[in-house]
Amino acid sequence: MLIGNVTFEPGCQNNWHIHHADKGGGQILLVTGGRGYYQEWGKEARELLPGDVVNIPAGVKHWHGAAPNSWFAHLAIEVPGENSRNEWCEPVNEKEYKSLK
């Protein structure tokens, strides 16, 4: 199991991405500080605050990162799976991201 301690500067987010696995896999986010967002493809962005937990099943296209005006930190836990791999996709739409408060 891989655990990353990730910190984002205000306005920083990762690209859309997918954690693939033939069996198992996915990712868990444990929010440790600041304020950020998580969004799944086709859904509204969800605000994240310290103590929040996000369970991301394998195969779900998503992004996460800081709010436009706040730093953000989380532990990213890669859930073990068979033939796990990540697919990095397009950047988050800047206009949509900046509309988040």
N, C-alpha and C. Protein backbone atom coordinates (compact mmCIF):
# COMPACT_ATOMS: atom_id res chain seq x y z
N MET A 1 0.85 -1.17 0.00
CA MET A 1 0.00 0.00 0.00
C MET A 1 0.90 1.24 0.00
N LEU A 2 0.57 2.19 -0.83
CA LEU A 2 1.31 3.44 -0.94
C LEU A 2 0.49 4.56 -0.34
N ILE A 3 1.10 5.37 0.55
CA ILE A 3 0.43 6.51 1.15
C ILE A 3 1.27 7.75 0.87
N GLY A 4 0.65 8.76 0.26
CA GLY A 4 1.34 10.01 -0.02
C GLY A 4 0.78 11.14 0.81
N ASN A 5 1.66 11.99 1.36
CA ASN A 5 1.25 13.18 2.09
C ASN A 5 1.33 14.33 1.08
N VAL A 6 0.20 14.81 0.61
CA VAL A 6 0.14 15.75 -0.52
C VAL A 6 -0.33 17.12 -0.04
N THR A 7 0.40 18.16 -0.44
CA THR A 7 0.02 19.53 -0.12
C THR A 7 -0.10 20.33 -1.42
N PHE A 8 -1.19 21.08 -1.55
CA PHE A 8 -1.44 21.91 -2.72
C PHE A 8 -1.39 23.38 -2.30
N GLU A 9 -0.74 24.22 -3.08
CA GLU A 9 -0.81 25.66 -2.88
C GLU A 9 -2.19 26.15 -3.30
N PRO A 10 -2.62 27.33 -2.84
CA PRO A 10 -3.92 27.86 -3.29
C PRO A 10 -4.00 27.88 -4.81
N GLY A 11 -5.13 27.43 -5.33
CA GLY A 11 -5.36 27.42 -6.77
C GLY A 11 -4.73 26.26 -7.52
N CYS A 12 -4.12 25.32 -6.82
CA CYS A 12 -3.45 24.19 -7.48
C CYS A 12 -4.33 22.94 -7.40
N GLN A 13 -4.45 22.25 -8.50
CA GLN A 13 -5.19 20.99 -8.53
C GLN A 13 -4.53 20.06 -9.54
N ASN A 14 -4.83 18.78 -9.42
CA ASN A 14 -4.28 17.85 -10.41
C ASN A 14 -5.24 17.75 -11.60
N ASN A 15 -4.77 17.13 -12.67
CA ASN A 15 -5.61 16.88 -13.84
C ASN A 15 -6.65 15.81 -13.50
N TRP A 16 -7.67 15.74 -14.34
CA TRP A 16 -8.59 14.62 -14.27
C TRP A 16 -7.75 13.35 -14.39
N HIS A 17 -8.11 12.31 -13.66
CA HIS A 17 -7.38 11.06 -13.76
C HIS A 17 -8.25 9.90 -13.30
N ILE A 18 -7.79 8.70 -13.63
CA ILE A 18 -8.53 7.47 -13.31
C ILE A 18 -7.54 6.46 -12.74
N HIS A 19 -7.90 5.86 -11.62
CA HIS A 19 -7.12 4.76 -11.05
C HIS A 19 -7.77 3.47 -11.55
N HIS A 20 -7.09 2.80 -12.44
CA HIS A 20 -7.61 1.55 -13.01
C HIS A 20 -7.09 0.35 -12.22
N ALA A 21 -7.86 -0.72 -12.21
CA ALA A 21 -7.43 -2.00 -11.65
C ALA A 21 -8.38 -3.07 -12.18
N ASP A 22 -7.84 -4.25 -12.43
CA ASP A 22 -8.69 -5.36 -12.86
C ASP A 22 -9.54 -5.88 -11.70
N LYS A 23 -9.01 -5.74 -10.48
CA LYS A 23 -9.72 -6.16 -9.28
C LYS A 23 -9.21 -5.31 -8.13
N GLY A 24 -10.12 -4.82 -7.26
CA GLY A 24 -9.70 -3.96 -6.16
C GLY A 24 -9.29 -2.60 -6.68
N GLY A 25 -8.29 -1.99 -6.06
CA GLY A 25 -7.76 -0.72 -6.52
C GLY A 25 -8.59 0.47 -6.08
N GLY A 26 -8.22 1.63 -6.60
CA GLY A 26 -8.87 2.88 -6.25
C GLY A 26 -7.99 3.70 -5.34
N GLN A 27 -8.58 4.68 -4.69
CA GLN A 27 -7.83 5.61 -3.85
C GLN A 27 -8.73 6.10 -2.71
N ILE A 28 -8.12 6.39 -1.58
CA ILE A 28 -8.81 7.00 -0.45
C ILE A 28 -8.08 8.28 -0.10
N LEU A 29 -8.81 9.38 0.06
CA LEU A 29 -8.25 10.65 0.48
C LEU A 29 -8.68 10.95 1.91
N LEU A 30 -7.72 11.28 2.77
CA LEU A 30 -7.98 11.70 4.14
C LEU A 30 -7.53 13.14 4.25
N VAL A 31 -8.46 14.07 4.38
CA VAL A 31 -8.13 15.49 4.39
C VAL A 31 -7.54 15.87 5.74
N THR A 32 -6.36 16.51 5.70
CA THR A 32 -5.64 16.85 6.93
C THR A 32 -5.55 18.36 7.18
N GLY A 33 -5.78 19.19 6.17
CA GLY A 33 -5.67 20.62 6.40
C GLY A 33 -6.15 21.45 5.23
N GLY A 34 -6.45 22.71 5.51
CA GLY A 34 -6.86 23.64 4.46
C GLY A 34 -8.27 23.38 3.96
N ARG A 35 -8.49 23.82 2.72
CA ARG A 35 -9.80 23.64 2.08
C ARG A 35 -9.58 23.31 0.63
N GLY A 36 -10.28 22.29 0.15
CA GLY A 36 -10.11 21.86 -1.23
C GLY A 36 -11.39 21.34 -1.83
N TYR A 37 -11.22 20.70 -2.98
CA TYR A 37 -12.36 20.15 -3.70
C TYR A 37 -12.02 18.79 -4.28
N TYR A 38 -13.06 17.99 -4.44
CA TYR A 38 -13.01 16.70 -5.13
C TYR A 38 -14.19 16.69 -6.09
N GLN A 39 -13.95 16.21 -7.31
CA GLN A 39 -15.04 16.13 -8.28
C GLN A 39 -14.91 14.87 -9.11
N GLU A 40 -16.04 14.19 -9.28
CA GLU A 40 -16.13 13.06 -10.20
C GLU A 40 -16.71 13.56 -11.52
N TRP A 41 -16.28 12.96 -12.59
CA TRP A 41 -16.75 13.32 -13.94
C TRP A 41 -18.27 13.28 -13.99
N GLY A 42 -18.89 14.37 -14.46
CA GLY A 42 -20.34 14.43 -14.59
C GLY A 42 -21.09 14.82 -13.33
N LYS A 43 -20.36 15.09 -12.24
CA LYS A 43 -20.99 15.47 -10.98
C LYS A 43 -20.47 16.83 -10.52
N GLU A 44 -21.17 17.42 -9.54
CA GLU A 44 -20.74 18.70 -8.97
C GLU A 44 -19.50 18.49 -8.09
N ALA A 45 -18.65 19.51 -8.00
CA ALA A 45 -17.49 19.47 -7.11
C ALA A 45 -17.97 19.46 -5.67
N ARG A 46 -17.23 18.75 -4.84
CA ARG A 46 -17.55 18.63 -3.41
C ARG A 46 -16.45 19.33 -2.60
N GLU A 47 -16.83 20.25 -1.73
CA GLU A 47 -15.85 20.92 -0.88
C GLU A 47 -15.30 19.92 0.14
N LEU A 48 -14.00 20.01 0.41
CA LEU A 48 -13.34 19.14 1.37
C LEU A 48 -12.69 19.96 2.48
N LEU A 49 -12.88 19.52 3.72
CA LEU A 49 -12.33 20.18 4.90
C LEU A 49 -11.64 19.13 5.77
N PRO A 50 -10.77 19.56 6.70
CA PRO A 50 -10.08 18.60 7.56
C PRO A 50 -11.04 17.61 8.21
N GLY A 51 -10.65 16.34 8.16
CA GLY A 51 -11.47 15.26 8.71
C GLY A 51 -12.32 14.55 7.67
N ASP A 52 -12.51 15.18 6.50
CA ASP A 52 -13.30 14.53 5.44
C ASP A 52 -12.53 13.36 4.85
N VAL A 53 -13.28 12.35 4.42
CA VAL A 53 -12.73 11.16 3.78
C VAL A 53 -13.44 10.96 2.45
N VAL A 54 -12.67 10.66 1.41
CA VAL A 54 -13.25 10.39 0.09
C VAL A 54 -12.77 9.00 -0.34
N ASN A 55 -13.71 8.11 -0.63
CA ASN A 55 -13.39 6.78 -1.14
C ASN A 55 -13.63 6.80 -2.65
N ILE A 56 -12.58 6.60 -3.44
CA ILE A 56 -12.67 6.68 -4.90
C ILE A 56 -12.48 5.28 -5.47
N PRO A 57 -13.54 4.65 -5.95
CA PRO A 57 -13.40 3.31 -6.52
C PRO A 57 -12.57 3.34 -7.81
N ALA A 58 -11.98 2.22 -8.13
CA ALA A 58 -11.26 2.09 -9.40
C ALA A 58 -12.22 2.40 -10.55
N GLY A 59 -11.69 3.05 -11.58
CA GLY A 59 -12.47 3.32 -12.78
C GLY A 59 -13.22 4.63 -12.77
N VAL A 60 -13.16 5.40 -11.67
CA VAL A 60 -13.89 6.67 -11.57
C VAL A 60 -12.97 7.83 -11.97
N LYS A 61 -13.37 8.55 -13.01
CA LYS A 61 -12.60 9.72 -13.45
C LYS A 61 -12.87 10.87 -12.48
N HIS A 62 -11.79 11.51 -11.98
CA HIS A 62 -11.93 12.52 -10.94
C HIS A 62 -10.72 13.45 -10.91
N TRP A 63 -10.85 14.51 -10.12
CA TRP A 63 -9.71 15.37 -9.78
C TRP A 63 -9.89 15.83 -8.34
N HIS A 64 -8.79 16.31 -7.74
CA HIS A 64 -8.83 16.90 -6.40
C HIS A 64 -7.72 17.92 -6.28
N GLY A 65 -7.95 18.90 -5.41
CA GLY A 65 -6.94 19.93 -5.22
C GLY A 65 -7.45 21.03 -4.32
N ALA A 66 -6.62 22.09 -4.21
CA ALA A 66 -6.93 23.21 -3.32
C ALA A 66 -8.07 24.06 -3.86
N ALA A 67 -8.74 24.76 -2.95
CA ALA A 67 -9.69 25.80 -3.35
C ALA A 67 -8.89 26.94 -3.97
N PRO A 68 -9.53 27.78 -4.79
CA PRO A 68 -8.79 28.87 -5.43
C PRO A 68 -8.08 29.80 -4.45
N ASN A 69 -8.59 29.91 -3.20
CA ASN A 69 -8.01 30.86 -2.25
C ASN A 69 -7.51 30.21 -0.96
N SER A 70 -7.21 28.92 -0.99
CA SER A 70 -6.76 28.24 0.23
C SER A 70 -5.77 27.13 -0.11
N TRP A 71 -4.80 26.92 0.76
CA TRP A 71 -3.96 25.74 0.63
C TRP A 71 -4.78 24.52 1.03
N PHE A 72 -4.26 23.33 0.74
CA PHE A 72 -5.02 22.10 0.97
C PHE A 72 -4.04 20.95 1.14
N ALA A 73 -4.33 20.07 2.08
CA ALA A 73 -3.48 18.90 2.31
C ALA A 73 -4.33 17.66 2.56
N HIS A 74 -3.85 16.54 2.04
CA HIS A 74 -4.51 15.26 2.30
C HIS A 74 -3.51 14.13 2.24
N LEU A 75 -3.88 13.02 2.87
CA LEU A 75 -3.16 11.77 2.68
C LEU A 75 -3.86 11.05 1.54
N ALA A 76 -3.09 10.61 0.57
CA ALA A 76 -3.63 9.86 -0.57
C ALA A 76 -3.20 8.40 -0.40
N ILE A 77 -4.17 7.53 -0.22
CA ILE A 77 -3.90 6.10 -0.01
C ILE A 77 -4.29 5.35 -1.27
N GLU A 78 -3.31 4.71 -1.88
CA GLU A 78 -3.58 3.87 -3.05
C GLU A 78 -4.06 2.51 -2.56
N VAL A 79 -5.29 2.15 -2.91
CA VAL A 79 -5.85 0.87 -2.50
C VAL A 79 -5.23 -0.24 -3.36
N PRO A 80 -4.70 -1.29 -2.74
CA PRO A 80 -4.09 -2.37 -3.52
C PRO A 80 -5.10 -3.00 -4.49
N GLY A 81 -4.61 -3.35 -5.66
CA GLY A 81 -5.44 -3.98 -6.67
C GLY A 81 -4.60 -4.77 -7.65
N GLU A 82 -5.27 -5.56 -8.45
CA GLU A 82 -4.59 -6.35 -9.47
C GLU A 82 -4.43 -5.51 -10.74
N ASN A 83 -3.21 -5.47 -11.27
CA ASN A 83 -2.90 -4.71 -12.48
C ASN A 83 -3.30 -3.24 -12.34
N SER A 84 -2.99 -2.64 -11.19
CA SER A 84 -3.32 -1.24 -10.94
C SER A 84 -2.47 -0.33 -11.81
N ARG A 85 -3.07 0.75 -12.27
CA ARG A 85 -2.37 1.75 -13.08
C ARG A 85 -3.19 3.03 -13.05
N ASN A 86 -2.51 4.14 -13.28
CA ASN A 86 -3.19 5.44 -13.34
C ASN A 86 -3.21 5.95 -14.77
N GLU A 87 -4.30 6.57 -15.14
CA GLU A 87 -4.44 7.22 -16.45
C GLU A 87 -4.65 8.71 -16.20
N TRP A 88 -3.72 9.53 -16.68
CA TRP A 88 -3.83 10.98 -16.53
C TRP A 88 -4.51 11.55 -17.75
N CYS A 89 -5.48 12.41 -17.51
CA CYS A 89 -6.33 12.96 -18.57
C CYS A 89 -6.14 14.48 -18.67
N GLU A 90 -7.15 15.15 -19.19
CA GLU A 90 -7.08 16.58 -19.46
C GLU A 90 -7.09 17.41 -18.18
N PRO A 91 -6.60 18.67 -18.28
CA PRO A 91 -6.68 19.57 -17.14
C PRO A 91 -8.13 19.90 -16.79
N VAL A 92 -8.33 20.32 -15.55
CA VAL A 92 -9.63 20.79 -15.10
C VAL A 92 -9.94 22.09 -15.85
N ASN A 93 -11.20 22.27 -16.25
CA ASN A 93 -11.62 23.48 -16.95
C ASN A 93 -11.40 24.68 -16.04
N GLU A 94 -10.55 25.61 -16.47
CA GLU A 94 -10.17 26.75 -15.63
C GLU A 94 -11.36 27.63 -15.24
N LYS A 95 -12.27 27.86 -16.17
CA LYS A 95 -13.44 28.70 -15.89
C LYS A 95 -14.33 28.04 -14.83
N GLU A 96 -14.57 26.72 -14.95
CA GLU A 96 -15.38 26.01 -13.96
C GLU A 96 -14.69 25.99 -12.61
N TYR A 97 -13.37 25.77 -12.61
CA TYR A 97 -12.63 25.73 -11.35
C TYR A 97 -12.69 27.08 -10.64
N LYS A 98 -12.47 28.15 -11.37
CA LYS A 98 -12.47 29.48 -10.76
C LYS A 98 -13.85 29.90 -10.26
N SER A 99 -14.91 29.22 -10.71
CA SER A 99 -16.25 29.54 -10.21
C SER A 99 -16.50 28.93 -8.84
N LEU A 100 -15.62 28.02 -8.39
CA LEU A 100 -15.73 27.43 -7.06
C LEU A 100 -15.31 28.47 -6.02
N LYS A 101 -15.97 28.52 -4.93
CA LYS A 101 -15.67 29.52 -3.89
C LYS A 101 -14.69 28.99 -2.88
